[in-house]
Amino acid sequence: MRTFSQWVASNGEVVWGWIFLIFGSTSFLAFFYAAILSKLLPRSNHAIISAIQDDSYYCFLVPLTLPILLVAVYFHWLSMKLFKHA
């Protein structure tokens, strides 16, 4: 049988997991709208949405970030291998 402190700790982990999941999903959807979906929709009269539609920064952000991400993943893998076999 679990104690009260174990129950609170396990529920706290679940709450933090949901918070991270919701934050990550919201961030992804906002970026997806700004980078792709806003360019496909008709022009808007709202100032913020119009500024997002006219922006060209986010369209190039992901393609230019991918090579750097691959280098970072490789160095992470290499450092873990060196640490494991040291």
N, C-alpha and C. Protein backbone atom coordinates (compact mmCIF):
# COMPACT_ATOMS: atom_id res chain seq x y z
N MET A 1 0.84 -1.18 0.00
CA MET A 1 0.00 0.00 0.00
C MET A 1 0.88 1.24 0.00
N ARG A 2 0.53 2.22 -0.81
CA ARG A 2 1.33 3.43 -0.92
C ARG A 2 0.98 4.42 0.19
N THR A 3 2.00 5.14 0.59
CA THR A 3 1.77 6.18 1.59
C THR A 3 1.27 7.45 0.90
N PHE A 4 0.84 8.40 1.72
CA PHE A 4 0.32 9.65 1.18
C PHE A 4 1.38 10.42 0.41
N SER A 5 2.63 10.44 0.91
CA SER A 5 3.69 11.17 0.23
C SER A 5 4.02 10.54 -1.13
N GLN A 6 3.96 9.22 -1.24
CA GLN A 6 4.20 8.56 -2.52
C GLN A 6 3.07 8.88 -3.50
N TRP A 7 1.83 8.94 -2.99
CA TRP A 7 0.70 9.26 -3.84
C TRP A 7 0.80 10.68 -4.37
N VAL A 8 1.20 11.63 -3.53
CA VAL A 8 1.35 13.02 -3.95
C VAL A 8 2.49 13.14 -4.95
N ALA A 9 3.60 12.43 -4.73
CA ALA A 9 4.74 12.50 -5.63
C ALA A 9 4.37 11.93 -7.00
N SER A 10 3.67 10.82 -7.02
CA SER A 10 3.30 10.23 -8.32
C SER A 10 2.29 11.11 -9.04
N ASN A 11 1.35 11.71 -8.33
CA ASN A 11 0.40 12.61 -8.98
C ASN A 11 1.07 13.90 -9.42
N GLY A 12 2.07 14.36 -8.68
CA GLY A 12 2.82 15.54 -9.10
C GLY A 12 3.55 15.30 -10.40
N GLU A 13 4.11 14.10 -10.57
CA GLU A 13 4.78 13.76 -11.82
C GLU A 13 3.79 13.72 -12.97
N VAL A 14 2.61 13.22 -12.72
CA VAL A 14 1.59 13.18 -13.77
C VAL A 14 1.17 14.59 -14.16
N VAL A 15 1.00 15.46 -13.17
CA VAL A 15 0.62 16.85 -13.45
C VAL A 15 1.70 17.54 -14.27
N TRP A 16 2.95 17.38 -13.88
CA TRP A 16 4.04 18.01 -14.65
C TRP A 16 4.12 17.42 -16.05
N GLY A 17 3.86 16.14 -16.19
CA GLY A 17 3.84 15.53 -17.52
C GLY A 17 2.78 16.15 -18.41
N TRP A 18 1.58 16.35 -17.86
CA TRP A 18 0.50 16.98 -18.62
C TRP A 18 0.83 18.43 -18.95
N ILE A 19 1.45 19.14 -18.01
CA ILE A 19 1.83 20.54 -18.28
C ILE A 19 2.82 20.61 -19.44
N PHE A 20 3.84 19.75 -19.42
CA PHE A 20 4.82 19.74 -20.51
C PHE A 20 4.18 19.33 -21.83
N LEU A 21 3.27 18.37 -21.79
CA LEU A 21 2.60 17.92 -23.00
C LEU A 21 1.73 19.02 -23.60
N ILE A 22 0.98 19.72 -22.77
CA ILE A 22 0.13 20.80 -23.26
C ILE A 22 0.97 21.96 -23.78
N PHE A 23 2.04 22.33 -23.05
CA PHE A 23 2.90 23.42 -23.50
C PHE A 23 3.57 23.08 -24.83
N GLY A 24 4.08 21.86 -24.96
CA GLY A 24 4.72 21.45 -26.20
C GLY A 24 3.76 21.42 -27.38
N SER A 25 2.56 20.91 -27.14
CA SER A 25 1.55 20.87 -28.21
C SER A 25 1.13 22.27 -28.64
N THR A 26 0.93 23.15 -27.66
CA THR A 26 0.54 24.52 -27.98
C THR A 26 1.64 25.24 -28.75
N SER A 27 2.88 25.05 -28.33
CA SER A 27 4.00 25.68 -29.03
C SER A 27 4.11 25.16 -30.46
N PHE A 28 3.96 23.85 -30.63
CA PHE A 28 4.03 23.27 -31.97
C PHE A 28 2.93 23.82 -32.86
N LEU A 29 1.70 23.88 -32.35
CA LEU A 29 0.59 24.37 -33.16
C LEU A 29 0.76 25.85 -33.51
N ALA A 30 1.26 26.65 -32.58
CA ALA A 30 1.49 28.07 -32.87
C ALA A 30 2.57 28.23 -33.94
N PHE A 31 3.65 27.47 -33.84
CA PHE A 31 4.70 27.55 -34.84
C PHE A 31 4.20 27.05 -36.20
N PHE A 32 3.43 25.95 -36.19
CA PHE A 32 2.90 25.40 -37.44
C PHE A 32 2.00 26.42 -38.13
N TYR A 33 1.19 27.13 -37.35
CA TYR A 33 0.33 28.16 -37.93
C TYR A 33 1.18 29.30 -38.50
N ALA A 34 2.18 29.75 -37.73
CA ALA A 34 2.98 30.89 -38.18
C ALA A 34 3.84 30.54 -39.39
N ALA A 35 4.34 29.31 -39.46
CA ALA A 35 5.26 28.95 -40.53
C ALA A 35 4.56 28.48 -41.79
N ILE A 36 3.47 27.75 -41.66
CA ILE A 36 2.88 27.11 -42.84
C ILE A 36 1.44 27.53 -43.08
N LEU A 37 0.60 27.34 -42.09
CA LEU A 37 -0.84 27.51 -42.29
C LEU A 37 -1.23 28.95 -42.61
N SER A 38 -0.58 29.91 -42.00
CA SER A 38 -0.95 31.32 -42.23
C SER A 38 -0.69 31.75 -43.67
N LYS A 39 0.26 31.10 -44.35
CA LYS A 39 0.56 31.45 -45.74
C LYS A 39 -0.50 30.90 -46.70
N LEU A 40 -1.22 29.86 -46.28
CA LEU A 40 -2.21 29.23 -47.14
C LEU A 40 -3.60 29.83 -46.98
N LEU A 41 -3.84 30.52 -45.87
CA LEU A 41 -5.15 31.10 -45.61
C LEU A 41 -5.30 32.45 -46.32
N PRO A 42 -6.54 32.89 -46.58
CA PRO A 42 -6.72 34.20 -47.20
C PRO A 42 -6.29 35.33 -46.26
N ARG A 43 -6.04 36.50 -46.83
CA ARG A 43 -5.57 37.66 -46.06
C ARG A 43 -6.57 38.02 -44.98
N SER A 44 -6.04 38.47 -43.85
CA SER A 44 -6.86 38.84 -42.72
C SER A 44 -6.81 40.35 -42.49
N ASN A 45 -7.86 40.89 -41.89
CA ASN A 45 -7.88 42.31 -41.54
C ASN A 45 -7.33 42.57 -40.15
N HIS A 46 -7.11 41.51 -39.38
CA HIS A 46 -6.56 41.63 -38.03
C HIS A 46 -5.06 41.94 -38.13
N ALA A 47 -4.58 42.90 -37.35
CA ALA A 47 -3.19 43.38 -37.48
C ALA A 47 -2.17 42.30 -37.14
N ILE A 48 -2.38 41.56 -36.08
CA ILE A 48 -1.39 40.54 -35.67
C ILE A 48 -1.36 39.38 -36.66
N ILE A 49 -2.52 38.91 -37.08
CA ILE A 49 -2.56 37.81 -38.04
C ILE A 49 -1.98 38.24 -39.38
N SER A 50 -2.25 39.47 -39.78
CA SER A 50 -1.67 39.99 -41.02
C SER A 50 -0.15 40.08 -40.94
N ALA A 51 0.37 40.48 -39.78
CA ALA A 51 1.83 40.55 -39.60
C ALA A 51 2.44 39.16 -39.66
N ILE A 52 1.76 38.16 -39.09
CA ILE A 52 2.26 36.78 -39.16
C ILE A 52 2.24 36.29 -40.60
N GLN A 53 1.20 36.64 -41.36
CA GLN A 53 1.13 36.21 -42.75
C GLN A 53 2.19 36.86 -43.62
N ASP A 54 2.58 38.09 -43.31
CA ASP A 54 3.59 38.80 -44.11
C ASP A 54 5.02 38.44 -43.70
N ASP A 55 5.19 37.79 -42.57
CA ASP A 55 6.52 37.49 -42.07
C ASP A 55 7.14 36.33 -42.85
N SER A 56 8.42 36.43 -43.17
CA SER A 56 9.10 35.34 -43.88
C SER A 56 10.18 34.69 -43.04
N TYR A 57 10.33 35.09 -41.79
CA TYR A 57 11.38 34.55 -40.94
C TYR A 57 11.13 33.09 -40.59
N TYR A 58 9.92 32.76 -40.14
CA TYR A 58 9.64 31.41 -39.66
C TYR A 58 9.60 30.39 -40.77
N CYS A 59 9.38 30.81 -42.01
CA CYS A 59 9.40 29.86 -43.13
C CYS A 59 10.80 29.30 -43.35
N PHE A 60 11.82 30.08 -43.01
CA PHE A 60 13.20 29.65 -43.21
C PHE A 60 13.85 29.13 -41.94
N LEU A 61 13.19 29.27 -40.81
CA LEU A 61 13.79 28.90 -39.53
C LEU A 61 14.07 27.41 -39.43
N VAL A 62 13.10 26.58 -39.72
CA VAL A 62 13.28 25.13 -39.58
C VAL A 62 14.26 24.57 -40.59
N PRO A 63 14.17 24.89 -41.89
CA PRO A 63 15.16 24.33 -42.81
C PRO A 63 16.60 24.74 -42.49
N LEU A 64 16.79 25.94 -41.97
CA LEU A 64 18.14 26.37 -41.63
C LEU A 64 18.61 25.84 -40.28
N THR A 65 17.68 25.41 -39.43
CA THR A 65 18.04 24.87 -38.13
C THR A 65 18.38 23.38 -38.20
N LEU A 66 17.87 22.66 -39.19
CA LEU A 66 18.08 21.22 -39.27
C LEU A 66 19.56 20.82 -39.35
N PRO A 67 20.42 21.46 -40.15
CA PRO A 67 21.83 21.05 -40.15
C PRO A 67 22.50 21.23 -38.79
N ILE A 68 22.19 22.31 -38.11
CA ILE A 68 22.76 22.54 -36.78
C ILE A 68 22.25 21.50 -35.80
N LEU A 69 20.98 21.12 -35.93
CA LEU A 69 20.42 20.10 -35.06
C LEU A 69 21.13 18.76 -35.28
N LEU A 70 21.42 18.42 -36.52
CA LEU A 70 22.12 17.17 -36.79
C LEU A 70 23.52 17.17 -36.19
N VAL A 71 24.23 18.27 -36.26
CA VAL A 71 25.56 18.38 -35.65
C VAL A 71 25.45 18.26 -34.14
N ALA A 72 24.45 18.91 -33.54
CA ALA A 72 24.28 18.84 -32.09
C ALA A 72 23.95 17.42 -31.64
N VAL A 73 23.10 16.71 -32.39
CA VAL A 73 22.77 15.33 -32.05
C VAL A 73 23.99 14.44 -32.17
N TYR A 74 24.80 14.64 -33.21
CA TYR A 74 26.01 13.84 -33.36
C TYR A 74 26.97 14.07 -32.20
N PHE A 75 27.20 15.32 -31.81
CA PHE A 75 28.11 15.59 -30.69
C PHE A 75 27.55 15.06 -29.38
N HIS A 76 26.24 15.07 -29.22
CA HIS A 76 25.64 14.49 -28.02
C HIS A 76 25.90 12.99 -27.99
N TRP A 77 25.68 12.31 -29.12
CA TRP A 77 25.93 10.88 -29.20
C TRP A 77 27.41 10.57 -28.93
N LEU A 78 28.30 11.37 -29.52
CA LEU A 78 29.73 11.15 -29.34
C LEU A 78 30.14 11.34 -27.89
N SER A 79 29.63 12.37 -27.24
CA SER A 79 29.99 12.61 -25.84
C SER A 79 29.46 11.50 -24.94
N MET A 80 28.27 10.97 -25.24
CA MET A 80 27.74 9.86 -24.43
C MET A 80 28.58 8.60 -24.63
N LYS A 81 29.05 8.35 -25.86
CA LYS A 81 29.91 7.20 -26.11
C LYS A 81 31.24 7.34 -25.36
N LEU A 82 31.83 8.53 -25.40
CA LEU A 82 33.09 8.75 -24.70
C LEU A 82 32.91 8.62 -23.19
N PHE A 83 31.80 9.11 -22.67
CA PHE A 83 31.54 9.01 -21.23
C PHE A 83 31.31 7.56 -20.84
N LYS A 84 30.60 6.81 -21.66
CA LYS A 84 30.27 5.42 -21.34
C LYS A 84 31.53 4.55 -21.34
N HIS A 85 32.47 4.80 -22.24
CA HIS A 85 33.64 3.95 -22.38
C HIS A 85 34.88 4.53 -21.69
N ALA A 86 34.71 5.58 -20.93
CA ALA A 86 35.88 6.18 -20.25
C ALA A 86 36.24 5.41 -19.00
